[in-house]
Amino acid sequence: MSNPNITPFVKWAGGKRQLLEQIKERLPKEYNRYFEPFVGGGAVALELLPERAVLNDINEALINTYQQIRDVPEEFLRLVEAMDSDMWEDGKAYYYNLRQRYNDKLMRSEFDTELAALFVFINKHCFNGLYRVNGKGLFNVPYNKSRKPSVEPASILATSQYLRSIEIVFGDFERVCRQAQQGDFLFLDSPYAPLNENSFESYTKEGFDAESHRRLARLYHELTERGCYCMLTNHNTEFIMELYKDRGYRIDVVGVRRMINSDSTKRTGEEVIICNY
């Protein structure tokens, strides 16, 4: 099932829009429920639109945005469109003012519709759509000088309709995968392992370090034994290969563009798609 009106409402580092065709070519022929424990921008889920799905992420502000779009799309749109219309006398100052408001609400754990609207606004007007936080968990990406609208209303309304039919969860990837059973399909797109393995960058304030990748690999092996279909994507690095080789998995190397890198000469690379079926 697909709907051309439904597209990701945020840009996300490591998003899989450019790999959609390669991913779709490798899907299991049939499966029961769909799980995406690291949903991010949701490019794969919002392309496939599985009827029985569980979407999860450890980023609470992101999951709050999914929930607000699901539950109160009209109020969400009203707030985002108001932010867009108020902006442009001094775009830079306005952006930093709203970024500060977003961080203030994060510090107070105010996960509401306004936070969701701020989340999407700063995502669309920050450098490369990068979600990055400092050691205190505060968003710190600079302004990108864009004056484009933050949302497409028709897409938000169509996305809201779809999200009402599925489960949206906030939490650790391992916890949400406990409910996966034989015949379920899990698309596992964790934060990237760094190309330089001495440098693991933060995705949320909790980070996703080398031990997190090892924990994910152990879970992948357990899910395989449980009879689940698993597809995992990540950078093609020696570290990732070491975690999954010699297990009989299908490991395909594919070329990608890396849009986040500030050095345009380093915007090409390789990823792996690892399937256990």
Protein backbone atom coordinates (compact mmCIF):
# COMPACT_ATOMS: atom_id res chain seq x y z
CA MET A 1 0.00 0.00 0.00
CA SER A 2 1.27 3.51 -0.79
CA ASN A 3 0.08 7.10 -0.84
CA PRO A 4 2.01 9.79 -2.77
CA ASN A 5 0.63 12.44 -0.40
CA ILE A 6 2.44 10.86 2.56
CA THR A 7 6.07 11.91 2.89
CA PRO A 8 8.44 12.38 5.84
CA PHE A 9 7.69 15.58 7.74
CA VAL A 10 11.28 15.96 8.97
CA LYS A 11 14.68 15.55 7.39
CA TRP A 12 16.78 13.10 9.38
CA ALA A 13 20.47 12.25 9.40
CA GLY A 14 20.85 8.79 7.92
CA GLY A 15 17.35 8.87 6.40
CA LYS A 16 16.73 6.15 3.86
CA ARG A 17 14.87 7.96 1.08
CA GLN A 18 17.71 7.40 -1.37
CA LEU A 19 17.80 3.66 -0.57
CA LEU A 20 14.06 3.04 -0.80
CA GLU A 21 14.22 1.07 -4.03
CA GLN A 22 17.07 -1.14 -2.78
CA ILE A 23 15.19 -1.72 0.47
CA LYS A 24 11.91 -2.54 -1.30
CA GLU A 25 13.71 -5.01 -3.57
CA ARG A 26 14.89 -6.91 -0.51
CA LEU A 27 11.66 -7.02 1.52
CA PRO A 28 10.37 -10.42 2.58
CA LYS A 29 7.59 -11.64 0.27
CA GLU A 30 5.14 -11.54 3.15
CA TYR A 31 5.23 -10.85 6.86
CA ASN A 32 2.94 -10.23 9.80
CA ARG A 33 3.67 -7.02 11.72
CA TYR A 34 6.21 -4.36 10.75
CA PHE A 35 8.58 -2.99 13.41
CA GLU A 36 10.87 0.02 13.04
CA PRO A 37 12.73 0.52 16.35
CA PHE A 38 14.72 3.54 15.04
CA VAL A 39 12.04 5.31 13.03
CA GLY A 40 13.75 8.73 12.66
CA GLY A 41 12.12 10.54 9.74
CA GLY A 42 10.14 7.44 8.83
CA ALA A 43 11.08 7.32 5.15
CA VAL A 44 10.68 3.54 4.92
CA ALA A 45 7.52 3.20 7.02
CA LEU A 46 5.84 6.12 5.24
CA GLU A 47 6.69 4.57 1.88
CA LEU A 48 5.51 1.05 2.71
CA LEU A 49 2.54 2.09 4.91
CA PRO A 50 2.23 -1.35 6.51
CA GLU A 51 -1.22 -2.00 7.93
CA ARG A 52 0.11 -3.49 11.18
CA ALA A 53 3.11 -1.49 12.37
CA VAL A 54 5.00 -0.47 15.49
CA LEU A 55 7.17 2.66 15.17
CA ASN A 56 9.63 3.53 17.94
CA ASP A 57 12.45 5.93 18.68
CA ILE A 58 14.54 6.92 21.73
CA ASN A 59 14.16 10.60 20.82
CA GLU A 60 11.15 11.65 22.89
CA ALA A 61 10.69 14.98 21.09
CA LEU A 62 10.53 13.16 17.76
CA ILE A 63 7.99 10.63 19.01
CA ASN A 64 5.94 13.44 20.53
CA THR A 65 5.83 14.99 17.04
CA TYR A 66 4.49 11.77 15.52
CA GLN A 67 1.87 11.58 18.25
CA GLN A 68 0.78 15.21 17.90
CA ILE A 69 0.45 14.90 14.12
CA ARG A 70 -1.57 11.75 14.67
CA ASP A 71 -3.85 13.18 17.35
CA VAL A 72 -4.27 16.92 16.61
CA PRO A 73 -3.10 17.60 13.04
CA GLU A 74 -5.16 20.78 12.62
CA GLU A 75 -3.75 22.37 15.79
CA PHE A 76 -0.24 21.29 14.79
CA LEU A 77 -0.66 22.90 11.36
CA ARG A 78 -2.06 26.10 12.87
CA LEU A 79 1.01 26.49 15.12
CA VAL A 80 3.57 25.70 12.41
CA GLU A 81 1.94 28.03 9.89
CA ALA A 82 1.87 30.81 12.51
CA MET A 83 5.61 30.32 13.12
CA ASP A 84 6.27 30.47 9.38
CA SER A 85 4.22 33.62 8.84
CA ASP A 86 5.83 35.51 11.73
CA MET A 87 9.40 34.84 10.78
CA TRP A 88 11.09 36.79 8.13
CA GLU A 89 12.05 40.33 9.11
CA ASP A 90 15.21 38.92 10.71
CA GLY A 91 15.23 35.20 9.98
CA LYS A 92 18.40 34.42 11.90
CA ALA A 93 17.31 36.12 15.11
CA TYR A 94 13.84 34.61 14.80
CA TYR A 95 15.24 31.09 14.32
CA TYR A 96 17.50 31.36 17.38
CA ASN A 97 14.62 32.73 19.43
CA LEU A 98 12.45 29.73 18.56
CA ARG A 99 15.36 27.34 19.05
CA GLN A 100 15.74 28.74 22.57
CA ARG A 101 12.00 28.33 23.17
CA TYR A 102 12.25 24.72 21.99
CA ASN A 103 15.14 24.04 24.38
CA ASP A 104 13.33 25.73 27.28
CA LYS A 105 10.35 23.45 26.73
CA LEU A 106 12.66 20.42 26.53
CA MET A 107 14.18 21.35 29.88
CA ARG A 108 10.67 21.49 31.36
CA SER A 109 9.68 18.21 29.62
CA GLU A 110 6.73 19.93 27.95
CA PHE A 111 5.99 17.36 25.27
CA ASP A 112 2.96 19.01 23.69
CA THR A 113 1.70 20.29 20.34
CA GLU A 114 3.76 23.48 20.49
CA LEU A 115 6.95 21.48 21.04
CA ALA A 116 6.06 19.34 18.01
CA ALA A 117 5.53 22.47 15.88
CA LEU A 118 8.85 23.92 17.09
CA PHE A 119 10.56 20.59 16.38
CA VAL A 120 9.45 20.62 12.75
CA PHE A 121 10.15 24.34 12.30
CA ILE A 122 13.74 24.13 13.53
CA ASN A 123 14.31 20.90 11.59
CA LYS A 124 13.34 22.66 8.35
CA HIS A 125 15.40 25.78 9.12
CA CYS A 126 18.56 24.34 10.65
CA PHE A 127 21.74 23.31 8.87
CA ASN A 128 21.12 20.16 6.76
CA GLY A 129 18.16 19.11 8.89
CA LEU A 130 20.62 17.71 11.40
CA TYR A 131 19.27 16.81 14.85
CA ARG A 132 22.20 17.31 17.21
CA VAL A 133 22.24 18.03 20.92
CA ASN A 134 24.92 19.06 23.38
CA GLY A 135 25.87 17.31 26.62
CA LYS A 136 22.81 18.78 28.35
CA GLY A 137 20.47 17.42 25.69
CA LEU A 138 19.80 20.84 24.14
CA PHE A 139 19.44 21.31 20.39
CA ASN A 140 22.34 23.36 19.06
CA VAL A 141 22.31 23.28 15.23
CA PRO A 142 22.70 26.69 13.52
CA TYR A 143 20.31 28.44 11.11
CA ASN A 144 20.37 27.46 7.42
CA LYS A 145 18.96 30.74 5.99
CA SER A 146 15.98 28.91 4.45
CA ARG A 147 12.64 30.73 4.17
CA LYS A 148 10.64 27.82 2.81
CA PRO A 149 7.38 26.73 4.47
CA SER A 150 7.93 24.12 7.16
CA VAL A 151 5.12 21.75 6.17
CA GLU A 152 2.83 20.69 3.35
CA PRO A 153 -0.66 20.65 4.94
CA ALA A 154 -2.11 17.95 2.67
CA SER A 155 0.79 15.65 3.50
CA ILE A 156 0.43 16.25 7.25
CA LEU A 157 -3.30 15.43 7.13
CA ALA A 158 -2.74 12.26 5.10
CA THR A 159 0.09 11.20 7.41
CA SER A 160 -2.12 11.80 10.44
CA GLN A 161 -4.79 9.52 9.00
CA TYR A 162 -2.27 6.71 8.52
CA LEU A 163 -0.64 7.11 11.95
CA ARG A 164 -4.02 6.61 13.66
CA SER A 165 -4.03 2.99 12.52
CA ILE A 166 -0.64 1.96 13.96
CA GLU A 167 1.29 1.91 17.24
CA ILE A 168 3.78 4.69 18.08
CA VAL A 169 6.17 4.00 20.96
CA PHE A 170 8.90 5.90 22.79
CA GLY A 171 11.77 3.94 24.30
CA ASP A 172 14.81 1.76 23.93
CA PHE A 173 15.03 -0.36 20.77
CA GLU A 174 15.51 -3.59 22.68
CA ARG A 175 12.36 -3.09 24.72
CA VAL A 176 10.08 -2.53 21.73
CA CYS A 177 11.52 -5.59 19.99
CA ARG A 178 10.52 -7.88 22.85
CA GLN A 179 7.03 -8.15 21.39
CA ALA A 180 8.24 -9.21 17.92
CA GLN A 181 7.25 -12.77 17.05
CA GLN A 182 7.93 -15.33 14.36
CA GLY A 183 6.93 -13.99 10.96
CA ASP A 184 7.22 -10.31 11.94
CA PHE A 185 9.53 -8.03 9.92
CA LEU A 186 11.94 -5.62 11.61
CA PHE A 187 13.70 -2.82 9.74
CA LEU A 188 16.67 -1.82 11.90
CA ASP A 189 18.20 1.51 10.93
CA SER A 190 20.15 2.55 14.00
CA PRO A 191 22.35 5.66 14.27
CA TYR A 192 25.41 5.14 12.12
CA ALA A 193 28.59 3.62 13.38
CA PRO A 194 31.24 6.27 12.63
CA LEU A 195 33.56 5.87 9.66
CA ASN A 196 36.33 6.71 12.12
CA GLU A 197 35.67 4.16 14.85
CA ASN A 198 37.39 6.30 17.47
CA SER A 199 34.61 8.90 17.21
CA PHE A 200 30.98 8.11 18.14
CA GLU A 201 28.82 11.25 17.80
CA SER A 202 25.69 11.86 19.84
CA TYR A 203 22.27 11.28 18.31
CA THR A 204 20.42 12.08 21.50
CA LYS A 205 21.95 13.01 24.84
CA GLU A 206 22.06 9.26 25.59
CA GLY A 207 24.24 8.67 22.52
CA PHE A 208 24.60 5.42 20.57
CA ASP A 209 28.07 4.10 21.30
CA ALA A 210 30.02 1.00 20.29
CA GLU A 211 28.41 -1.08 23.02
CA SER A 212 24.97 -0.04 21.74
CA HIS A 213 25.89 -1.44 18.33
CA ARG A 214 27.07 -4.67 19.96
CA ARG A 215 23.80 -4.87 21.88
CA LEU A 216 21.88 -4.36 18.63
CA ALA A 217 23.88 -7.15 16.96
CA ARG A 218 23.06 -9.52 19.82
CA LEU A 219 19.39 -8.60 19.45
CA TYR A 220 19.57 -9.22 15.69
CA HIS A 221 20.90 -12.72 16.32
CA GLU A 222 18.17 -13.37 18.92
CA LEU A 223 15.44 -12.15 16.56
CA THR A 224 16.81 -14.45 13.87
CA GLU A 225 16.54 -17.41 16.22
CA ARG A 226 13.00 -16.30 17.08
CA GLY A 227 12.00 -16.60 13.42
CA CYS A 228 11.69 -12.88 12.67
CA TYR A 229 12.64 -11.36 9.34
CA CYS A 230 15.32 -8.70 9.93
CA MET A 231 16.87 -6.09 7.66
CA LEU A 232 19.61 -3.83 9.04
CA THR A 233 21.38 -0.89 7.43
CA ASN A 234 24.54 0.95 8.47
CA HIS A 235 27.84 2.29 7.24
CA ASN A 236 30.07 -0.25 5.54
CA THR A 237 32.82 -0.39 8.16
CA GLU A 238 35.05 -3.10 9.53
CA PHE A 239 33.36 -2.68 12.92
CA ILE A 240 29.87 -3.38 11.51
CA MET A 241 31.08 -6.25 9.34
CA GLU A 242 32.73 -7.89 12.34
CA LEU A 243 29.40 -7.88 14.20
CA TYR A 244 27.42 -9.65 11.46
CA LYS A 245 29.80 -11.73 9.36
CA ASP A 246 30.07 -15.53 9.58
CA ARG A 247 26.38 -15.87 10.51
CA GLY A 248 25.04 -16.79 7.10
CA TYR A 249 23.34 -13.42 6.61
CA ARG A 250 23.01 -11.79 3.23
CA ILE A 251 25.23 -8.68 3.28
CA ASP A 252 24.94 -6.31 0.31
CA VAL A 253 27.14 -3.23 -0.11
CA VAL A 254 25.45 -0.25 -1.81
CA GLY A 255 26.68 3.20 -2.80
CA VAL A 256 25.13 6.29 -1.18
CA ARG A 257 25.37 10.07 -1.09
CA ARG A 258 26.07 11.56 2.34
CA MET A 259 24.20 14.87 2.41
CA ILE A 260 25.11 15.81 5.98
CA ASN A 261 28.88 16.08 5.51
CA SER A 262 29.94 19.74 5.28
CA ASP A 263 32.81 18.73 2.96
CA SER A 264 31.18 18.10 -0.43
CA THR A 265 34.14 15.92 -1.50
CA LYS A 266 33.19 13.41 1.19
CA ARG A 267 29.51 13.09 0.30
CA THR A 268 29.79 9.65 -1.26
CA GLY A 269 30.24 6.36 0.49
CA GLU A 270 29.01 2.84 1.05
CA GLU A 271 26.38 1.29 3.26
CA VAL A 272 25.46 -2.28 4.00
CA ILE A 273 22.02 -3.87 3.89
CA ILE A 274 22.05 -7.01 6.03
CA CYS A 275 19.16 -9.50 5.79
CA ASN A 276 18.67 -12.75 7.70
CA TYR A 277 16.41 -14.30 5.06
